[in-house]
Amino acid sequence: MEALKLFAKYAPNKTFFAVLLGTIAGLCYSALIPIVMMSLADDNTFAVGSSVTKLWGIEVTNSKFAALFFVLCVVILIFKSGSEIILNRLALNIRHNLRTELYDRVQRSSISSLEHVGPSRLIQALTTDVSAVVAGAGTFPQIITAVVTSLGVLSFLAYLDLNIFWFVIKVIVFGVVAYQIPIIIGTRYFSKAREHQDHLQEAVKGLIGGAKELKLSEGKKRAYNEQILQKEEMIVKDLEKTGSSIYTLTGNFGNLLCFFAIGGIGFIFINYHAISLPEIFASIMILLYVSGPIIMIMNFVPQLAMTQISLRKIDLLFYELPPEAVSEYINPVSSWQTVTLKDVYYNYPLQPNQSKSFVIGPVNIKINRGEITYITGGNGSGKSTLAKLLTLHYEASEGDIYFDGVKVVKERLNDYRQELSCIYSDYYLFDRLLDEKSLTEGYKEKINYYLKSFSMDKKVQLKDGRFTTLKLSDGQRRRLALIVTIIEDKPLILFDEWAADQDPMFKDIFYREILPSLKKKNKAIVVISHDDRYFDLADQMIIMESGKVIGSGMDNASKFEVVRVLAT
């Protein structure tokens, strides 16, 4: 029912109308058999007459009943089709809306929340879960029609013989209870399988992302295949096989439910109740007719169970990706010269296998425009975390960040983010310019100038606002990302190990030409780097160790001197 609530949430009027059409179609379905039986009855109470009417050369008995029968068939065709078309179109709209809401939630969530959830779960939700919800919800027209048909036909059975009706109801109740128990068990297997599909998605990601590393070691490739990839694949397969087998066995049991009732009437019920042969035949005919709708309802139960599993996964994602409490409207930031971090801390969430979480801080630094600041330190020292604090991707657990003495409050995070550009080590290169400020007059000439300057004009061009290819080497991709960043022309630019993949010539150009040129444009430049050969070009050095700033220094008479300042 949660999926139907989802329909009602997005389009209550259309959902109600579709349910109404399905209900009417079900009532018409349930009337077909009684009409046929009434027209064939020998009792004049039911029969209108046996007069034969010719219609287009065809002899038709009981023309009034015949006309009513065919009118109901046309009503069923129109109303049932209308119900299904409306809900199917709504289902496609809801799939679009669900994905759009997830897109929006991803864009509005904090980077730390996105890192916690991971791309594998997001991709699985956007593909598998959303489709499962829509597929399950799309069965409601058939379910509504089947339920109403079953109730209508069983009501007619109660009219014919109340004793047979109660006997059939007892059989159905027993069957439904016996059906639900294995369905619950099977659903648990599929629920576990769905959990492991996230792990399998992560394993596939490693297979593709780590293809180069696995090619170089047969042992590593075999271990990854057996211990990670195939292990998760086998877990998912075994769980789904078990769940599917339970569903299949239970479904076949449900298919026989009405035949159990027919057998019970023919072999057991007649021994305890007086019943005429026409009543037995009528009851069997009704049960054969109602078996289809009942089987349909039971066969849809597993799909609805899968829908519930996917809905819970989507709801959990929304819960784990709360939107940042920031304004969606951008207000311009006053011109500034200095970014100051004062007593800033960042606490990573405590992981299940950890006794203590990693903490960055206290951080007390100043980043000035028109200066080059290096951040250096060993692996795991907190450089990248400090960078994300600087670029406002992470929100400080404690302390404050100031732009020229103006404190950055949470509501204005988006305003100040517009002042920043960055190229992280795990950057994503888009195939086009997306920043509106970049698409000003003469941007094509600027792009072509830098492509030529970086020796990339033969590899990639800009056509219709898009780059002709992104199939470039790692160094070339970083150069293209640098070009885009320069074109964006933001006041503060952060580079995270940008030169790591560059050949010596471009590395030298980056440190000795590009950074100084940006400095002359009064940019605040932050460079995470281990290239100590170029440390003398910095105006400021920030040294990180175990999450703390353990030293800083300023350029003095062209000789870089590091002054270690122990953090307090």
Protein backbone atom coordinates (compact mmCIF):
# COMPACT_ATOMS: atom_id res chain seq x y z
CA MET A 1 0.00 0.00 0.00
CA GLU A 2 2.99 2.30 0.43
CA ALA A 3 3.43 2.40 -3.33
CA LEU A 4 -0.22 3.39 -3.80
CA LYS A 5 0.31 6.16 -1.23
CA LEU A 6 3.20 7.28 -3.40
CA PHE A 7 0.79 7.60 -6.35
CA ALA A 8 -1.71 9.47 -4.21
CA LYS A 9 1.03 11.83 -3.05
CA TYR A 10 2.06 12.86 -6.57
CA ALA A 11 -1.35 12.83 -8.29
CA PRO A 12 -4.26 12.24 -5.89
CA ASN A 13 -7.03 13.08 -8.36
CA LYS A 14 -5.71 10.92 -11.18
CA THR A 15 -4.99 8.09 -8.75
CA PHE A 16 -8.54 8.22 -7.38
CA PHE A 17 -9.97 8.29 -10.91
CA ALA A 18 -7.83 5.32 -11.96
CA VAL A 19 -8.88 3.35 -8.86
CA LEU A 20 -12.52 4.21 -9.57
CA LEU A 21 -12.23 2.98 -13.18
CA GLY A 22 -10.57 -0.22 -11.99
CA THR A 23 -13.31 -0.74 -9.42
CA ILE A 24 -16.05 -0.31 -12.01
CA ALA A 25 -14.24 -2.70 -14.35
CA GLY A 26 -14.02 -5.25 -11.53
CA LEU A 27 -17.75 -4.92 -10.80
CA CYS A 28 -18.51 -5.47 -14.48
CA TYR A 29 -16.23 -8.52 -14.54
CA SER A 30 -18.04 -9.97 -11.54
CA ALA A 31 -21.40 -9.50 -13.30
CA LEU A 32 -20.53 -11.48 -16.45
CA ILE A 33 -20.95 -14.98 -15.03
CA PRO A 34 -24.20 -14.19 -13.18
CA ILE A 35 -25.65 -12.74 -16.41
CA VAL A 36 -24.75 -15.87 -18.38
CA MET A 37 -26.13 -18.13 -15.66
CA MET A 38 -29.33 -16.12 -15.37
CA SER A 39 -29.86 -16.23 -19.13
CA LEU A 40 -29.44 -20.03 -19.16
CA ALA A 41 -31.55 -20.68 -16.07
CA ASP A 42 -34.62 -22.80 -16.50
CA ASP A 43 -36.30 -20.90 -13.71
CA ASN A 44 -38.44 -18.14 -15.21
CA THR A 45 -37.61 -15.99 -12.21
CA PHE A 46 -34.22 -15.40 -13.79
CA ALA A 47 -34.84 -15.89 -17.50
CA VAL A 48 -36.29 -13.03 -19.47
CA GLY A 49 -37.29 -15.40 -22.23
CA SER A 50 -36.02 -17.83 -24.77
CA SER A 51 -37.05 -15.88 -27.78
CA VAL A 52 -34.51 -15.82 -30.56
CA THR A 53 -33.60 -12.52 -32.17
CA LYS A 54 -31.73 -12.20 -35.46
CA LEU A 55 -28.96 -9.62 -35.54
CA TRP A 56 -27.00 -9.20 -38.78
CA GLY A 57 -28.10 -12.69 -39.74
CA ILE A 58 -26.97 -14.22 -36.42
CA GLU A 59 -29.51 -15.83 -34.09
CA VAL A 60 -29.18 -14.47 -30.56
CA THR A 61 -31.03 -16.04 -27.60
CA ASN A 62 -32.15 -13.79 -24.74
CA SER A 63 -31.14 -10.68 -26.60
CA LYS A 64 -31.52 -8.41 -23.57
CA PHE A 65 -29.08 -10.45 -21.53
CA ALA A 66 -26.80 -10.75 -24.57
CA ALA A 67 -26.86 -7.00 -25.09
CA LEU A 68 -26.11 -6.39 -21.41
CA PHE A 69 -23.26 -8.93 -21.56
CA PHE A 70 -21.57 -7.27 -24.54
CA VAL A 71 -22.12 -3.77 -23.14
CA LEU A 72 -20.35 -4.86 -19.94
CA CYS A 73 -17.49 -6.29 -22.03
CA VAL A 74 -17.07 -2.94 -23.78
CA VAL A 75 -17.22 -1.10 -20.43
CA ILE A 76 -14.57 -3.47 -19.03
CA LEU A 77 -12.32 -2.88 -22.04
CA ILE A 78 -12.61 0.91 -21.79
CA PHE A 79 -12.52 1.29 -18.01
CA LYS A 80 -9.82 -1.30 -17.29
CA SER A 81 -7.64 0.02 -20.11
CA GLY A 82 -8.23 3.58 -18.90
CA SER A 83 -7.25 2.65 -15.35
CA GLU A 84 -4.07 0.90 -16.49
CA ILE A 85 -3.08 3.66 -18.92
CA ILE A 86 -3.56 6.36 -16.28
CA LEU A 87 -1.56 4.52 -13.62
CA ASN A 88 1.13 3.40 -16.08
CA ARG A 89 1.63 6.99 -17.21
CA LEU A 90 1.63 8.09 -13.59
CA ALA A 91 4.19 5.38 -12.84
CA LEU A 92 6.54 6.81 -15.47
CA ASN A 93 6.03 10.30 -14.05
CA ILE A 94 6.71 9.01 -10.55
CA ARG A 95 9.89 7.29 -11.72
CA HIS A 96 10.98 10.61 -13.17
CA ASN A 97 10.01 12.47 -9.99
CA LEU A 98 11.73 9.97 -7.70
CA ARG A 99 14.94 10.19 -9.68
CA THR A 100 14.68 13.97 -9.84
CA GLU A 101 14.19 14.10 -6.06
CA LEU A 102 17.23 11.88 -5.60
CA TYR A 103 19.25 14.08 -7.99
CA ASP A 104 18.16 17.13 -6.03
CA ARG A 105 18.91 15.47 -2.68
CA VAL A 106 22.41 14.52 -3.88
CA GLN A 107 23.04 18.11 -5.01
CA ARG A 108 21.73 19.57 -1.74
CA SER A 109 23.40 17.09 0.62
CA SER A 110 26.74 17.67 2.25
CA ILE A 111 29.88 16.12 0.78
CA SER A 112 30.42 14.18 4.01
CA SER A 113 26.96 12.57 3.69
CA LEU A 114 27.61 11.66 0.07
CA GLU A 115 30.96 10.13 0.98
CA HIS A 116 29.27 8.11 3.74
CA VAL A 117 26.58 6.75 1.39
CA GLY A 118 28.94 6.09 -1.51
CA PRO A 119 28.24 6.07 -5.27
CA SER A 120 27.37 2.36 -5.44
CA ARG A 121 24.29 2.67 -3.25
CA LEU A 122 23.17 5.80 -5.08
CA ILE A 123 23.47 4.19 -8.51
CA GLN A 124 21.69 1.05 -7.30
CA ALA A 125 18.84 3.15 -5.88
CA LEU A 126 18.50 5.26 -9.03
CA THR A 127 18.38 2.22 -11.29
CA THR A 128 17.15 -0.92 -9.49
CA ASP A 129 15.08 0.49 -6.62
CA VAL A 130 13.24 3.24 -8.49
CA SER A 131 12.34 0.81 -11.30
CA ALA A 132 11.15 -1.80 -8.78
CA VAL A 133 8.89 0.73 -7.08
CA VAL A 134 7.37 1.80 -10.39
CA ALA A 135 6.93 -1.82 -11.57
CA GLY A 136 5.20 -2.77 -8.31
CA ALA A 137 2.97 0.27 -8.31
CA GLY A 138 2.03 -0.41 -11.92
CA THR A 139 0.28 -3.63 -10.86
CA PHE A 140 -2.40 -1.78 -8.89
CA PRO A 141 -4.94 -1.50 -11.76
CA GLN A 142 -4.90 -5.30 -12.17
CA ILE A 143 -5.00 -5.84 -8.41
CA ILE A 144 -7.95 -3.47 -7.95
CA THR A 145 -9.90 -5.11 -10.76
CA ALA A 146 -9.05 -8.59 -9.49
CA VAL A 147 -10.08 -7.79 -5.90
CA VAL A 148 -13.42 -6.25 -6.91
CA THR A 149 -14.09 -9.12 -9.34
CA SER A 150 -13.38 -11.70 -6.65
CA LEU A 151 -15.61 -9.96 -4.10
CA GLY A 152 -18.43 -9.60 -6.63
CA VAL A 153 -18.33 -13.21 -7.78
CA LEU A 154 -18.07 -14.53 -4.22
CA SER A 155 -21.05 -12.37 -3.31
CA PHE A 156 -23.02 -14.06 -6.09
CA LEU A 157 -21.89 -17.42 -4.73
CA ALA A 158 -23.27 -16.41 -1.32
CA TYR A 159 -26.56 -15.59 -3.05
CA LEU A 160 -26.70 -19.04 -4.64
CA ASP A 161 -25.76 -21.05 -1.55
CA LEU A 162 -24.58 -19.55 1.73
CA ASN A 163 -23.14 -22.86 3.00
CA ILE A 164 -20.91 -23.24 -0.06
CA PHE A 165 -19.88 -19.60 0.27
CA TRP A 166 -18.66 -20.05 3.85
CA PHE A 167 -16.88 -23.26 2.93
CA VAL A 168 -15.04 -21.47 0.11
CA ILE A 169 -14.21 -18.52 2.38
CA LYS A 170 -12.65 -20.91 4.94
CA VAL A 171 -10.55 -22.52 2.20
CA ILE A 172 -9.42 -19.09 0.93
CA VAL A 173 -8.56 -17.83 4.45
CA PHE A 174 -6.57 -20.98 5.12
CA GLY A 175 -4.84 -20.64 1.76
CA VAL A 176 -3.98 -16.97 2.27
CA VAL A 177 -2.49 -17.63 5.71
CA ALA A 178 -0.55 -20.62 4.39
CA TYR A 179 0.55 -18.46 1.44
CA GLN A 180 1.76 -15.50 3.49
CA ILE A 181 4.12 -17.43 5.78
CA PRO A 182 6.50 -18.62 3.03
CA ILE A 183 6.14 -15.26 1.26
CA ILE A 184 7.47 -13.53 4.41
CA ILE A 185 10.38 -15.98 4.53
CA GLY A 186 11.13 -15.51 0.83
CA THR A 187 10.98 -11.73 1.19
CA ARG A 188 13.66 -11.89 3.89
CA TYR A 189 15.96 -13.69 1.47
CA PHE A 190 15.35 -11.07 -1.21
CA SER A 191 15.88 -8.30 1.34
CA LYS A 192 19.29 -9.76 2.24
CA ALA A 193 20.07 -10.15 -1.46
CA ARG A 194 19.25 -6.48 -2.01
CA GLU A 195 21.70 -5.52 0.77
CA HIS A 196 24.45 -7.54 -0.87
CA GLN A 197 23.68 -6.01 -4.28
CA ASP A 198 25.18 -2.78 -2.91
CA HIS A 199 28.35 -4.70 -2.04
CA LEU A 200 28.31 -6.34 -5.47
CA GLN A 201 27.99 -2.92 -7.11
CA GLU A 202 31.05 -1.80 -5.15
CA ALA A 203 32.91 -4.94 -6.23
CA VAL A 204 32.09 -4.27 -9.90
CA LYS A 205 33.30 -0.71 -9.43
CA GLY A 206 36.62 -2.09 -8.16
CA LEU A 207 36.81 -4.52 -11.08
CA ILE A 208 36.57 -1.65 -13.57
CA GLY A 209 38.47 0.98 -11.62
CA GLY A 210 41.27 -1.38 -10.65
CA ALA A 211 41.58 -3.10 -14.03
CA LYS A 212 45.11 -1.80 -14.62
CA GLU A 213 46.36 -3.01 -11.23
CA LEU A 214 44.72 -6.43 -11.58
CA LYS A 215 46.27 -6.93 -15.03
CA LEU A 216 49.73 -6.73 -13.49
CA SER A 217 49.21 -9.49 -10.94
CA GLU A 218 47.59 -12.82 -11.70
CA GLY A 219 47.48 -13.64 -7.99
CA LYS A 220 45.83 -10.33 -7.15
CA LYS A 221 43.35 -10.76 -9.99
CA ARG A 222 42.48 -14.29 -8.85
CA ALA A 223 42.14 -13.20 -5.23
CA TYR A 224 39.91 -10.25 -6.15
CA ASN A 225 37.75 -12.47 -8.31
CA GLU A 226 37.39 -15.23 -5.72
CA GLN A 227 37.40 -13.31 -2.43
CA ILE A 228 35.40 -10.24 -3.43
CA LEU A 229 33.66 -10.34 -6.80
CA GLN A 230 32.56 -13.98 -6.97
CA LYS A 231 31.94 -14.10 -3.23
CA GLU A 232 29.36 -11.29 -3.44
CA GLU A 233 28.01 -12.69 -6.71
CA MET A 234 27.49 -16.11 -5.11
CA ILE A 235 25.84 -14.63 -2.02
CA VAL A 236 23.37 -12.65 -4.15
CA LYS A 237 22.76 -15.65 -6.42
CA ASP A 238 22.16 -18.10 -3.56
CA LEU A 239 19.86 -15.72 -1.69
CA GLU A 240 17.86 -14.92 -4.81
CA LYS A 241 17.66 -18.60 -5.80
CA THR A 242 16.32 -19.53 -2.39
CA GLY A 243 13.86 -16.64 -2.33
CA SER A 244 12.78 -17.34 -5.91
CA SER A 245 12.23 -21.04 -5.16
CA ILE A 246 10.08 -20.19 -2.15
CA TYR A 247 8.11 -17.67 -4.22
CA THR A 248 7.62 -20.18 -7.05
CA LEU A 249 6.45 -22.98 -4.74
CA THR A 250 4.14 -20.61 -2.90
CA GLY A 251 2.81 -19.17 -6.16
CA ASN A 252 1.95 -22.61 -7.49
CA PHE A 253 0.22 -23.39 -4.21
CA GLY A 254 -1.83 -20.21 -4.63
CA ASN A 255 -2.70 -21.22 -8.21
CA LEU A 256 -4.29 -24.42 -6.88
CA LEU A 257 -6.23 -22.73 -4.10
CA CYS A 258 -9.52 -22.46 -5.99
CA PHE A 259 -9.14 -26.02 -7.21
CA PHE A 260 -8.76 -27.13 -3.57
CA ALA A 261 -12.12 -25.44 -2.96
CA ILE A 262 -13.65 -27.18 -6.01
CA GLY A 263 -12.31 -30.54 -4.85
CA GLY A 264 -13.55 -29.90 -1.36
CA ILE A 265 -17.06 -29.23 -2.67
CA GLY A 266 -17.07 -32.25 -5.00
CA PHE A 267 -15.57 -34.78 -2.57
CA ILE A 268 -16.29 -33.54 0.97
CA PHE A 269 -18.92 -30.80 1.14
CA ILE A 270 -21.67 -32.84 -0.60
CA ASN A 271 -21.40 -35.49 2.10
CA TYR A 272 -22.50 -33.05 4.79
CA HIS A 273 -24.93 -30.73 2.99
CA ALA A 274 -27.92 -31.22 0.74
CA ILE A 275 -27.18 -29.55 -2.59
CA SER A 276 -28.65 -29.96 -6.05
CA LEU A 277 -26.57 -30.85 -9.09
CA PRO A 278 -27.26 -27.47 -10.83
CA GLU A 279 -26.03 -25.68 -7.69
CA ILE A 280 -22.84 -27.76 -7.69
CA PHE A 281 -22.21 -27.00 -11.37
CA ALA A 282 -22.94 -23.31 -10.80
CA SER A 283 -20.56 -23.21 -7.82
CA ILE A 284 -17.78 -24.94 -9.74
CA MET A 285 -18.28 -22.56 -12.68
CA ILE A 286 -18.06 -19.57 -10.34
CA LEU A 287 -14.91 -20.91 -8.64
CA LEU A 288 -13.25 -21.55 -11.99
CA TYR A 289 -14.07 -18.00 -13.00
CA VAL A 290 -12.84 -16.44 -9.75
CA SER A 291 -9.64 -18.52 -9.72
CA GLY A 292 -8.04 -16.20 -12.28
CA PRO A 293 -8.41 -12.98 -10.24
CA ILE A 294 -7.37 -14.72 -7.00
CA ILE A 295 -4.28 -16.23 -8.65
CA MET A 296 -3.43 -12.79 -10.08
CA ILE A 297 -3.66 -11.19 -6.63
CA MET A 298 -1.42 -13.84 -5.06
CA ASN A 299 1.12 -13.70 -7.87
CA PHE A 300 1.42 -9.95 -7.41
CA VAL A 301 2.21 -10.31 -3.69
CA PRO A 302 5.94 -11.14 -4.25
CA GLN A 303 6.33 -8.17 -6.59
CA LEU A 304 4.70 -5.90 -4.04
CA ALA A 305 7.10 -7.30 -1.41
CA MET A 306 10.05 -6.36 -3.66
CA THR A 307 8.50 -2.92 -4.07
CA GLN A 308 8.42 -2.52 -0.29
CA ILE A 309 12.09 -3.51 -0.04
CA SER A 310 13.06 -0.92 -2.66
CA LEU A 311 10.91 1.75 -1.03
CA ARG A 312 12.66 1.16 2.28
CA LYS A 313 16.04 1.48 0.57
CA ILE A 314 15.01 4.77 -1.06
CA ASP A 315 13.57 6.10 2.21
CA LEU A 316 16.81 5.17 4.00
CA LEU A 317 18.82 7.05 1.37
CA PHE A 318 16.71 10.17 1.86
CA TYR A 319 17.25 9.81 5.61
CA GLU A 320 21.03 9.46 5.22
CA LEU A 321 21.22 12.39 2.80
CA PRO A 322 19.65 15.28 4.68
CA PRO A 323 19.76 18.57 2.77
CA GLU A 324 22.17 21.19 4.02
CA ALA A 325 20.47 24.04 5.85
CA VAL A 326 21.75 26.60 3.36
CA SER A 327 19.97 29.18 1.29
CA GLU A 328 19.27 28.20 -2.31
CA TYR A 329 19.44 31.84 -3.38
CA ILE A 330 22.87 33.25 -4.04
CA ASN A 331 23.69 36.69 -2.65
CA PRO A 332 26.90 38.32 -3.88
CA VAL A 333 29.83 38.35 -1.47
CA SER A 334 31.69 41.60 -0.83
CA SER A 335 35.21 41.82 -2.15
CA TRP A 336 37.63 40.19 0.28
CA GLN A 337 41.40 39.78 0.72
CA THR A 338 41.84 37.18 3.47
CA VAL A 339 40.28 33.86 4.47
CA THR A 340 40.87 33.02 8.14
CA LEU A 341 40.31 29.71 9.91
CA LYS A 342 40.11 30.27 13.66
CA ASP A 343 40.22 27.29 16.05
CA VAL A 344 38.64 25.07 13.40
CA TYR A 345 38.06 21.37 14.11
CA TYR A 346 36.56 18.63 12.00
CA ASN A 347 35.48 15.31 13.54
CA TYR A 348 35.02 12.33 11.25
CA PRO A 349 32.06 10.10 12.17
CA LEU A 350 33.07 7.15 14.36
CA GLN A 351 33.18 3.94 12.33
CA PRO A 352 31.92 0.61 13.76
CA ASN A 353 35.43 -0.89 13.94
CA GLN A 354 37.02 2.22 15.46
CA SER A 355 37.41 3.15 19.11
CA LYS A 356 38.28 6.76 18.31
CA SER A 357 37.42 8.96 15.34
CA PHE A 358 39.99 10.96 13.36
CA VAL A 359 39.99 14.66 14.30
CA ILE A 360 41.41 17.60 12.36
CA GLY A 361 42.35 20.63 14.42
CA PRO A 362 42.81 23.03 15.91
CA VAL A 363 43.52 24.90 12.67
CA ASN A 364 44.50 28.58 12.82
CA ILE A 365 45.63 29.84 9.42
CA LYS A 366 45.20 32.76 7.03
CA ILE A 367 44.99 32.55 3.26
CA ASN A 368 45.65 35.86 1.48
CA ARG A 369 44.79 36.89 -2.03
CA GLY A 370 47.80 37.60 -4.17
CA GLU A 371 49.75 34.83 -2.37
CA ILE A 372 50.62 31.20 -2.99
CA THR A 373 50.08 28.89 -0.02
CA TYR A 374 51.42 25.35 0.04
CA ILE A 375 49.90 22.60 2.20
CA THR A 376 52.18 19.65 2.77
CA GLY A 377 52.48 16.65 5.05
CA GLY A 378 52.50 12.88 5.03
CA ASN A 379 49.72 10.57 3.94
CA GLY A 380 46.80 10.71 6.35
CA SER A 381 48.03 13.93 7.90
CA GLY A 382 44.77 15.76 7.10
CA LYS A 383 45.75 17.77 4.01
CA SER A 384 42.68 16.86 1.96
CA THR A 385 40.36 17.41 4.91
CA LEU A 386 41.86 20.86 5.48
CA ALA A 387 41.39 21.55 1.79
CA LYS A 388 37.70 20.61 2.00
CA LEU A 389 37.29 22.86 5.01
CA LEU A 390 38.91 25.70 3.06
CA THR A 391 36.63 25.16 0.07
CA LEU A 392 33.61 24.86 2.40
CA HIS A 393 32.81 21.32 1.28
CA TYR A 394 33.10 20.23 4.89
CA GLU A 395 31.38 22.14 7.65
CA ALA A 396 33.62 22.68 10.68
CA SER A 397 32.60 20.75 13.81
CA GLU A 398 34.00 23.61 15.89
CA GLY A 399 35.54 27.00 15.18
CA ASP A 400 34.80 29.60 12.55
CA ILE A 401 35.84 30.64 9.05
CA TYR A 402 36.01 34.33 8.15
CA PHE A 403 36.23 36.23 4.88
CA ASP A 404 37.80 39.57 5.83
CA GLY A 405 36.41 39.34 9.32
CA VAL A 406 32.91 38.35 8.17
CA LYS A 407 31.98 35.02 9.71
CA VAL A 408 30.71 32.37 7.30
CA VAL A 409 27.38 31.26 8.75
CA LYS A 410 25.77 28.05 7.62
CA GLU A 411 22.95 29.78 5.78
CA ARG A 412 25.46 31.61 3.55
CA LEU A 413 27.72 28.67 2.70
CA ASN A 414 26.49 28.67 -0.90
CA ASP A 415 27.26 32.38 -1.26
CA TYR A 416 30.90 31.91 -0.31
CA ARG A 417 31.29 28.67 -2.28
CA GLN A 418 30.78 30.71 -5.44
CA GLU A 419 34.10 32.42 -4.65
CA LEU A 420 36.07 29.16 -4.84
CA SER A 421 37.44 26.78 -7.46
CA CYS A 422 39.28 23.54 -6.88
CA ILE A 423 40.83 20.60 -8.67
CA TYR A 424 40.96 17.68 -6.26
CA SER A 425 42.93 14.53 -6.88
CA ASP A 426 39.61 12.72 -7.55
CA TYR A 427 38.20 15.54 -9.67
CA TYR A 428 35.48 14.96 -12.25
CA LEU A 429 35.99 16.44 -15.71
CA PHE A 430 32.76 17.56 -17.39
CA ASP A 431 32.51 17.50 -21.16
CA ARG A 432 31.42 21.15 -21.37
CA LEU A 433 31.63 24.53 -19.68
CA LEU A 434 28.81 24.76 -17.15
CA ASP A 435 29.68 27.96 -15.33
CA GLU A 436 27.62 30.85 -16.72
CA LYS A 437 30.39 33.34 -15.97
CA SER A 438 32.70 31.30 -18.19
CA LEU A 439 30.32 31.63 -21.13
CA THR A 440 30.99 35.32 -21.60
CA GLU A 441 32.11 37.06 -24.76
CA GLY A 442 35.39 35.73 -26.05
CA TYR A 443 35.38 32.51 -23.98
CA LYS A 444 36.03 30.41 -27.12
CA GLU A 445 39.11 32.45 -27.92
CA LYS A 446 40.36 32.01 -24.33
CA ILE A 447 39.78 28.25 -24.42
CA ASN A 448 41.54 27.91 -27.77
CA TYR A 449 44.43 30.05 -26.49
CA TYR A 450 44.99 27.82 -23.47
CA LEU A 451 44.52 24.62 -25.44
CA LYS A 452 47.28 25.76 -27.76
CA SER A 453 49.46 26.96 -24.87
CA PHE A 454 49.16 23.55 -23.19
CA SER A 455 49.83 21.67 -26.44
CA MET A 456 46.35 20.19 -26.50
CA ASP A 457 44.81 21.92 -29.51
CA LYS A 458 45.55 18.86 -31.66
CA LYS A 459 43.85 16.53 -29.14
CA VAL A 460 40.66 18.37 -28.21
CA GLN A 461 38.65 21.36 -29.42
CA LEU A 462 35.62 23.23 -28.16
CA LYS A 463 32.57 22.94 -30.43
CA ASP A 464 29.09 24.17 -29.58
CA GLY A 465 30.14 24.66 -25.98
CA ARG A 466 31.38 21.06 -25.59
CA PHE A 467 34.80 19.46 -25.75
CA THR A 468 35.15 17.13 -28.70
CA THR A 469 36.64 14.34 -26.58
CA LEU A 470 37.62 13.45 -23.03
CA LYS A 471 39.61 10.40 -24.08
CA LEU A 472 42.87 11.92 -22.90
CA SER A 473 45.81 10.89 -20.77
CA ASP A 474 45.66 11.63 -17.04
CA GLY A 475 48.03 14.56 -17.49
CA GLN A 476 46.01 15.97 -20.38
CA ARG A 477 42.76 15.64 -18.44
CA ARG A 478 44.30 17.60 -15.56
CA ARG A 479 45.47 20.27 -17.98
CA LEU A 480 41.96 20.54 -19.41
CA ALA A 481 40.55 20.80 -15.88
CA LEU A 482 43.09 23.56 -15.20
CA ILE A 483 41.96 25.44 -18.31
CA VAL A 484 38.33 25.27 -17.18
CA THR A 485 39.33 26.50 -13.72
CA ILE A 486 41.28 29.43 -15.15
CA ILE A 487 38.33 30.38 -17.37
CA GLU A 488 35.98 30.31 -14.34
CA ASP A 489 38.16 33.04 -12.82
CA LYS A 490 37.28 32.54 -9.12
CA PRO A 491 39.11 34.51 -6.37
CA LEU A 492 40.40 31.42 -4.53
CA ILE A 493 41.76 28.38 -6.37
CA LEU A 494 42.88 25.14 -4.73
CA PHE A 495 45.02 22.51 -6.45
CA ASP A 496 45.27 19.06 -4.86
CA GLU A 497 48.44 17.38 -6.20
CA TRP A 498 47.67 18.79 -9.65
CA ALA A 499 51.20 18.29 -10.96
CA ALA A 500 51.44 14.64 -9.88
CA ASP A 501 50.61 13.29 -13.37
CA GLN A 502 52.47 15.94 -15.38
CA ASP A 503 55.73 15.46 -17.20
CA PRO A 504 58.69 17.60 -15.98
CA MET A 505 58.10 20.29 -18.59
CA PHE A 506 54.45 20.95 -17.69
CA LYS A 507 55.16 20.53 -14.00
CA ASP A 508 57.73 23.30 -14.28
CA ILE A 509 55.31 25.45 -16.30
CA PHE A 510 52.64 24.96 -13.64
CA TYR A 511 54.78 26.02 -10.69
CA ARG A 512 56.92 28.69 -12.35
CA GLU A 513 54.49 30.26 -14.83
CA ILE A 514 50.83 29.42 -14.17
CA LEU A 515 50.82 29.89 -10.40
CA PRO A 516 52.73 33.20 -10.55
CA SER A 517 50.40 34.47 -13.29
CA LEU A 518 47.38 33.65 -11.13
CA LYS A 519 49.10 35.36 -8.22
CA LYS A 520 49.49 38.52 -10.30
CA LYS A 521 45.73 38.43 -10.91
CA ASN A 522 45.29 38.71 -7.13
CA LYS A 523 44.08 35.13 -6.72
CA ALA A 524 44.36 33.29 -3.42
CA ILE A 525 46.18 30.12 -4.46
CA VAL A 526 46.35 26.99 -2.30
CA VAL A 527 48.49 24.09 -3.50
CA ILE A 528 48.64 20.66 -1.87
CA SER A 529 52.01 19.36 -2.95
CA HIS A 530 55.04 17.22 -2.11
CA ASP A 531 57.21 18.85 -4.80
CA ASP A 532 59.81 20.32 -2.43
CA ARG A 533 61.83 21.60 -5.40
CA TYR A 534 59.23 24.34 -5.79
CA PHE A 535 58.67 25.20 -2.12
CA ASP A 536 60.80 28.31 -2.52
CA LEU A 537 58.09 29.77 -4.79
CA ALA A 538 55.50 29.80 -1.99
CA ASP A 539 54.56 32.80 0.10
CA GLN A 540 53.31 30.57 2.90
CA MET A 541 53.77 26.96 3.92
CA ILE A 542 51.33 24.96 6.05
CA ILE A 543 52.63 21.66 7.43
CA MET A 544 50.13 19.01 8.54
CA GLU A 545 50.76 16.02 10.78
CA SER A 546 48.16 13.75 12.45
CA GLY A 547 45.39 16.24 11.78
CA LYS A 548 47.20 19.25 13.23
CA VAL A 549 49.02 22.23 11.79
CA ILE A 550 52.49 21.69 13.21
CA GLY A 551 54.28 24.41 11.30
CA SER A 552 53.95 27.42 9.04
CA GLY A 553 56.43 29.72 7.38
CA MET A 554 56.81 32.83 5.21
CA ASP A 555 59.16 33.65 2.39
CA ASN A 556 62.18 35.59 3.69
CA ALA A 557 64.72 37.23 1.34
CA SER A 558 64.08 34.72 -1.47
CA LYS A 559 65.01 31.89 0.85
CA PHE A 560 62.18 29.76 2.15
CA GLU A 561 62.51 29.17 5.84
CA VAL A 562 60.08 26.88 7.65
CA VAL A 563 59.20 28.06 11.13
CA ARG A 564 57.64 25.25 13.14
CA VAL A 565 54.84 26.40 15.38
CA LEU A 566 53.49 23.69 17.64
CA ALA A 567 49.72 23.76 17.73
CA THR A 568 48.20 24.37 21.10
